[in-house]
Amino acid sequence: MDENTIIKTNDFGIPEPQNGVLLINRKIEVVFVPLYAFDLKGHRVGYGKGFYDKLLANCRPETIKVGVCFFNAVNKISDISKHDISLNYVVTPNATFDF
């Protein structure tokens, strides 16, 4: 993104670029993932639209996945599916978790 990038709010209220450089998922090295909840094994619960599930599924396995959460970890998230991709790290206001 640069000073010429046009930002428009989408139907979900998320600002997103309308022009700029298209990234190839296989070249992404780090993804920051907003979270609603996470557990002590790096499983995550997002905000229910599946955007990051789709993105992470198309990234390389070695892409570093960093969750960002305002809440503390829960002991266990029980409804994990085989398609869910775990995080490598989570950053909260009080701690950083390494899985």
N, C-alpha and C. Protein backbone atom coordinates (compact mmCIF):
# COMPACT_ATOMS: atom_id res chain seq x y z
N MET A 1 0.84 -1.17 0.00
CA MET A 1 0.00 0.00 0.00
C MET A 1 0.89 1.24 0.00
N ASP A 2 0.45 2.28 -0.68
CA ASP A 2 1.17 3.55 -0.66
C ASP A 2 0.15 4.69 -0.63
N GLU A 3 0.62 5.92 -0.74
CA GLU A 3 -0.27 7.08 -0.63
C GLU A 3 -1.31 7.15 -1.76
N ASN A 4 -1.13 6.39 -2.83
CA ASN A 4 -2.08 6.38 -3.94
C ASN A 4 -3.14 5.28 -3.82
N THR A 5 -3.03 4.44 -2.80
CA THR A 5 -3.98 3.35 -2.62
C THR A 5 -5.32 3.90 -2.17
N ILE A 6 -6.36 3.51 -2.86
CA ILE A 6 -7.73 3.92 -2.52
C ILE A 6 -8.30 2.90 -1.56
N ILE A 7 -8.81 3.37 -0.42
CA ILE A 7 -9.40 2.50 0.60
C ILE A 7 -10.91 2.72 0.59
N LYS A 8 -11.66 1.61 0.58
CA LYS A 8 -13.12 1.68 0.61
C LYS A 8 -13.62 0.68 1.64
N THR A 9 -14.62 1.06 2.41
CA THR A 9 -15.21 0.16 3.39
C THR A 9 -16.14 -0.82 2.69
N ASN A 10 -15.93 -2.13 2.94
CA ASN A 10 -16.76 -3.14 2.29
C ASN A 10 -18.09 -3.33 3.03
N ASP A 11 -18.91 -4.28 2.60
CA ASP A 11 -20.23 -4.51 3.18
C ASP A 11 -20.18 -4.98 4.63
N PHE A 12 -19.01 -5.46 5.08
CA PHE A 12 -18.85 -5.92 6.46
C PHE A 12 -18.26 -4.83 7.35
N GLY A 13 -18.06 -3.62 6.80
CA GLY A 13 -17.50 -2.52 7.57
C GLY A 13 -15.99 -2.56 7.69
N ILE A 14 -15.34 -3.35 6.83
CA ILE A 14 -13.89 -3.50 6.87
C ILE A 14 -13.27 -2.65 5.77
N PRO A 15 -12.36 -1.72 6.14
CA PRO A 15 -11.69 -0.95 5.10
C PRO A 15 -10.74 -1.85 4.31
N GLU A 16 -10.80 -1.78 2.99
CA GLU A 16 -9.92 -2.60 2.17
C GLU A 16 -9.46 -1.82 0.94
N PRO A 17 -8.24 -2.13 0.47
CA PRO A 17 -7.72 -1.42 -0.71
C PRO A 17 -8.49 -1.79 -1.97
N GLN A 18 -8.68 -0.80 -2.83
CA GLN A 18 -9.37 -1.02 -4.10
C GLN A 18 -8.40 -1.15 -5.27
N ASN A 19 -7.18 -0.77 -5.05
CA ASN A 19 -6.14 -0.91 -6.07
C ASN A 19 -4.85 -1.24 -5.33
N GLY A 20 -3.78 -1.39 -6.01
CA GLY A 20 -2.52 -1.67 -5.35
C GLY A 20 -1.91 -2.96 -5.87
N VAL A 21 -0.98 -3.48 -5.11
CA VAL A 21 -0.23 -4.66 -5.51
C VAL A 21 -1.00 -5.92 -5.07
N LEU A 22 -1.24 -6.81 -6.01
CA LEU A 22 -1.88 -8.08 -5.71
C LEU A 22 -0.83 -9.03 -5.15
N LEU A 23 -1.09 -9.60 -3.98
CA LEU A 23 -0.16 -10.54 -3.37
C LEU A 23 -0.53 -11.97 -3.73
N ILE A 24 0.46 -12.77 -3.97
CA ILE A 24 0.27 -14.20 -4.21
C ILE A 24 0.35 -14.90 -2.86
N ASN A 25 -0.70 -15.62 -2.47
CA ASN A 25 -0.75 -16.27 -1.15
C ASN A 25 0.48 -17.11 -0.86
N ARG A 26 1.02 -17.78 -1.86
CA ARG A 26 2.17 -18.66 -1.66
C ARG A 26 3.45 -17.89 -1.35
N LYS A 27 3.43 -16.57 -1.52
CA LYS A 27 4.61 -15.76 -1.22
C LYS A 27 4.52 -15.04 0.13
N ILE A 28 3.37 -15.14 0.79
CA ILE A 28 3.18 -14.48 2.08
C ILE A 28 3.99 -15.23 3.14
N GLU A 29 4.77 -14.48 3.91
CA GLU A 29 5.61 -15.09 4.94
C GLU A 29 4.99 -15.03 6.33
N VAL A 30 4.19 -13.98 6.62
CA VAL A 30 3.57 -13.81 7.93
C VAL A 30 2.15 -13.30 7.73
N VAL A 31 1.20 -13.87 8.51
CA VAL A 31 -0.18 -13.40 8.50
C VAL A 31 -0.57 -13.08 9.94
N PHE A 32 -1.10 -11.88 10.16
CA PHE A 32 -1.64 -11.49 11.46
C PHE A 32 -3.15 -11.73 11.42
N VAL A 33 -3.65 -12.52 12.38
CA VAL A 33 -5.03 -12.98 12.38
C VAL A 33 -5.78 -12.41 13.59
N PRO A 34 -6.83 -11.60 13.38
CA PRO A 34 -7.62 -11.14 14.52
C PRO A 34 -8.42 -12.30 15.10
N LEU A 35 -8.48 -12.36 16.42
CA LEU A 35 -9.12 -13.50 17.09
C LEU A 35 -10.20 -13.06 18.06
N TYR A 36 -11.17 -13.92 18.22
CA TYR A 36 -12.14 -13.79 19.30
C TYR A 36 -11.65 -14.59 20.50
N ALA A 37 -11.09 -15.78 20.23
CA ALA A 37 -10.60 -16.65 21.30
C ALA A 37 -9.53 -17.58 20.76
N PHE A 38 -8.69 -18.09 21.67
CA PHE A 38 -7.68 -19.08 21.31
C PHE A 38 -7.42 -19.96 22.53
N ASP A 39 -6.87 -21.15 22.27
CA ASP A 39 -6.55 -22.03 23.39
C ASP A 39 -5.05 -22.21 23.52
N LEU A 40 -4.65 -22.99 24.50
CA LEU A 40 -3.23 -23.17 24.83
C LEU A 40 -2.48 -24.04 23.85
N LYS A 41 -3.16 -24.54 22.80
CA LYS A 41 -2.50 -25.32 21.75
C LYS A 41 -2.45 -24.55 20.43
N GLY A 42 -2.92 -23.31 20.43
CA GLY A 42 -2.86 -22.51 19.21
C GLY A 42 -4.09 -22.61 18.32
N HIS A 43 -5.13 -23.30 18.78
CA HIS A 43 -6.38 -23.33 18.03
C HIS A 43 -7.06 -21.98 18.21
N ARG A 44 -7.87 -21.59 17.24
CA ARG A 44 -8.43 -20.25 17.26
C ARG A 44 -9.91 -20.24 16.93
N VAL A 45 -10.56 -19.19 17.38
CA VAL A 45 -11.94 -18.89 17.00
C VAL A 45 -11.91 -17.45 16.51
N GLY A 46 -12.36 -17.25 15.29
CA GLY A 46 -12.38 -15.91 14.71
C GLY A 46 -13.73 -15.26 14.89
N TYR A 47 -14.10 -14.48 13.91
CA TYR A 47 -15.34 -13.74 14.00
C TYR A 47 -16.42 -14.29 13.09
N GLY A 48 -16.24 -15.51 12.57
CA GLY A 48 -17.32 -16.24 11.94
C GLY A 48 -17.55 -16.10 10.45
N LYS A 49 -16.72 -15.39 9.73
CA LYS A 49 -16.93 -15.24 8.29
C LYS A 49 -16.03 -16.15 7.46
N GLY A 50 -14.99 -16.70 8.05
CA GLY A 50 -14.13 -17.65 7.34
C GLY A 50 -13.08 -17.04 6.43
N PHE A 51 -12.90 -15.72 6.48
CA PHE A 51 -11.93 -15.08 5.59
C PHE A 51 -10.51 -15.60 5.83
N TYR A 52 -10.11 -15.69 7.09
CA TYR A 52 -8.75 -16.12 7.38
C TYR A 52 -8.58 -17.62 7.15
N ASP A 53 -9.64 -18.40 7.34
CA ASP A 53 -9.56 -19.83 7.02
C ASP A 53 -9.21 -20.03 5.55
N LYS A 54 -9.86 -19.28 4.70
CA LYS A 54 -9.60 -19.39 3.26
C LYS A 54 -8.19 -18.91 2.91
N LEU A 55 -7.79 -17.80 3.49
CA LEU A 55 -6.45 -17.27 3.23
C LEU A 55 -5.38 -18.25 3.69
N LEU A 56 -5.47 -18.71 4.93
CA LEU A 56 -4.45 -19.61 5.49
C LEU A 56 -4.38 -20.94 4.75
N ALA A 57 -5.49 -21.42 4.27
CA ALA A 57 -5.50 -22.68 3.53
C ALA A 57 -4.71 -22.58 2.23
N ASN A 58 -4.57 -21.37 1.70
CA ASN A 58 -3.85 -21.17 0.44
C ASN A 58 -2.43 -20.65 0.62
N CYS A 59 -2.01 -20.49 1.86
CA CYS A 59 -0.63 -20.08 2.14
C CYS A 59 0.25 -21.33 2.28
N ARG A 60 1.53 -21.13 2.20
CA ARG A 60 2.47 -22.24 2.41
C ARG A 60 2.38 -22.72 3.86
N PRO A 61 2.62 -23.99 4.13
CA PRO A 61 2.57 -24.49 5.51
C PRO A 61 3.53 -23.76 6.44
N GLU A 62 4.67 -23.29 5.91
CA GLU A 62 5.65 -22.61 6.76
C GLU A 62 5.34 -21.12 6.98
N THR A 63 4.26 -20.62 6.41
CA THR A 63 3.85 -19.23 6.68
C THR A 63 3.61 -19.09 8.17
N ILE A 64 4.15 -18.04 8.76
CA ILE A 64 4.00 -17.81 10.20
C ILE A 64 2.64 -17.16 10.44
N LYS A 65 1.88 -17.77 11.35
CA LYS A 65 0.54 -17.30 11.65
C LYS A 65 0.52 -16.74 13.07
N VAL A 66 0.27 -15.42 13.17
CA VAL A 66 0.28 -14.72 14.46
C VAL A 66 -1.12 -14.24 14.78
N GLY A 67 -1.70 -14.75 15.85
CA GLY A 67 -3.01 -14.29 16.29
C GLY A 67 -2.87 -13.04 17.13
N VAL A 68 -3.86 -12.17 17.03
CA VAL A 68 -3.92 -10.96 17.83
C VAL A 68 -5.26 -10.98 18.56
N CYS A 69 -5.20 -10.98 19.90
CA CYS A 69 -6.43 -11.15 20.68
C CYS A 69 -6.41 -10.23 21.90
N PHE A 70 -7.57 -9.69 22.25
CA PHE A 70 -7.69 -8.83 23.44
C PHE A 70 -7.98 -9.64 24.70
N PHE A 71 -8.21 -10.95 24.55
CA PHE A 71 -8.62 -11.77 25.68
C PHE A 71 -7.54 -12.80 26.01
N ASN A 72 -7.62 -13.37 27.21
CA ASN A 72 -6.69 -14.41 27.63
C ASN A 72 -7.05 -15.74 26.97
N ALA A 73 -6.11 -16.65 26.98
CA ALA A 73 -6.32 -17.99 26.41
C ALA A 73 -7.36 -18.76 27.22
N VAL A 74 -8.11 -19.60 26.53
CA VAL A 74 -8.97 -20.58 27.20
C VAL A 74 -8.21 -21.89 27.24
N ASN A 75 -8.59 -22.79 28.12
CA ASN A 75 -7.86 -24.06 28.23
C ASN A 75 -7.94 -24.90 26.97
N LYS A 76 -9.15 -25.01 26.41
CA LYS A 76 -9.32 -25.88 25.24
C LYS A 76 -10.50 -25.41 24.40
N ILE A 77 -10.31 -25.40 23.09
CA ILE A 77 -11.41 -25.19 22.15
C ILE A 77 -11.76 -26.57 21.62
N SER A 78 -12.99 -27.00 21.86
CA SER A 78 -13.35 -28.39 21.59
C SER A 78 -13.89 -28.65 20.18
N ASP A 79 -14.38 -27.65 19.49
CA ASP A 79 -15.00 -27.91 18.19
C ASP A 79 -14.04 -27.61 17.03
N ILE A 80 -12.86 -28.21 17.09
CA ILE A 80 -11.85 -28.05 16.04
C ILE A 80 -12.15 -29.05 14.92
N SER A 81 -12.09 -28.57 13.68
CA SER A 81 -12.28 -29.49 12.55
C SER A 81 -10.93 -29.79 11.91
N LYS A 82 -10.88 -30.78 11.05
CA LYS A 82 -9.62 -31.16 10.40
C LYS A 82 -9.13 -30.07 9.45
N HIS A 83 -9.99 -29.13 9.09
CA HIS A 83 -9.61 -28.06 8.17
C HIS A 83 -9.07 -26.82 8.89
N ASP A 84 -9.23 -26.78 10.22
CA ASP A 84 -8.75 -25.63 10.98
C ASP A 84 -7.23 -25.59 11.01
N ILE A 85 -6.67 -24.42 10.84
CA ILE A 85 -5.23 -24.24 10.83
C ILE A 85 -4.83 -23.54 12.12
N SER A 86 -3.92 -24.16 12.86
CA SER A 86 -3.48 -23.61 14.14
C SER A 86 -2.51 -22.45 13.93
N LEU A 87 -2.36 -21.67 14.98
CA LEU A 87 -1.46 -20.52 14.97
C LEU A 87 -0.08 -20.91 15.46
N ASN A 88 0.91 -20.11 15.09
CA ASN A 88 2.26 -20.28 15.63
C ASN A 88 2.46 -19.45 16.89
N TYR A 89 1.83 -18.28 16.91
CA TYR A 89 1.94 -17.34 18.03
C TYR A 89 0.62 -16.65 18.25
N VAL A 90 0.42 -16.13 19.47
CA VAL A 90 -0.67 -15.21 19.75
C VAL A 90 -0.11 -14.10 20.62
N VAL A 91 -0.50 -12.88 20.29
CA VAL A 91 -0.12 -11.70 21.06
C VAL A 91 -1.38 -11.13 21.69
N THR A 92 -1.34 -10.92 23.01
CA THR A 92 -2.43 -10.28 23.74
C THR A 92 -1.86 -9.03 24.41
N PRO A 93 -2.70 -8.19 25.02
CA PRO A 93 -2.16 -7.03 25.72
C PRO A 93 -1.21 -7.40 26.87
N ASN A 94 -1.33 -8.62 27.39
CA ASN A 94 -0.55 -9.01 28.57
C ASN A 94 0.51 -10.07 28.34
N ALA A 95 0.48 -10.76 27.21
CA ALA A 95 1.41 -11.88 27.02
C ALA A 95 1.56 -12.22 25.55
N THR A 96 2.62 -12.97 25.27
CA THR A 96 2.83 -13.54 23.95
C THR A 96 2.92 -15.04 24.11
N PHE A 97 2.21 -15.79 23.30
CA PHE A 97 2.17 -17.26 23.37
C PHE A 97 2.90 -17.82 22.15
N ASP A 98 3.68 -18.84 22.37
CA ASP A 98 4.44 -19.52 21.31
C ASP A 98 3.98 -20.97 21.30
N PHE A 99 3.45 -21.43 20.17
CA PHE A 99 2.94 -22.81 20.10
C PHE A 99 3.92 -23.67 19.35
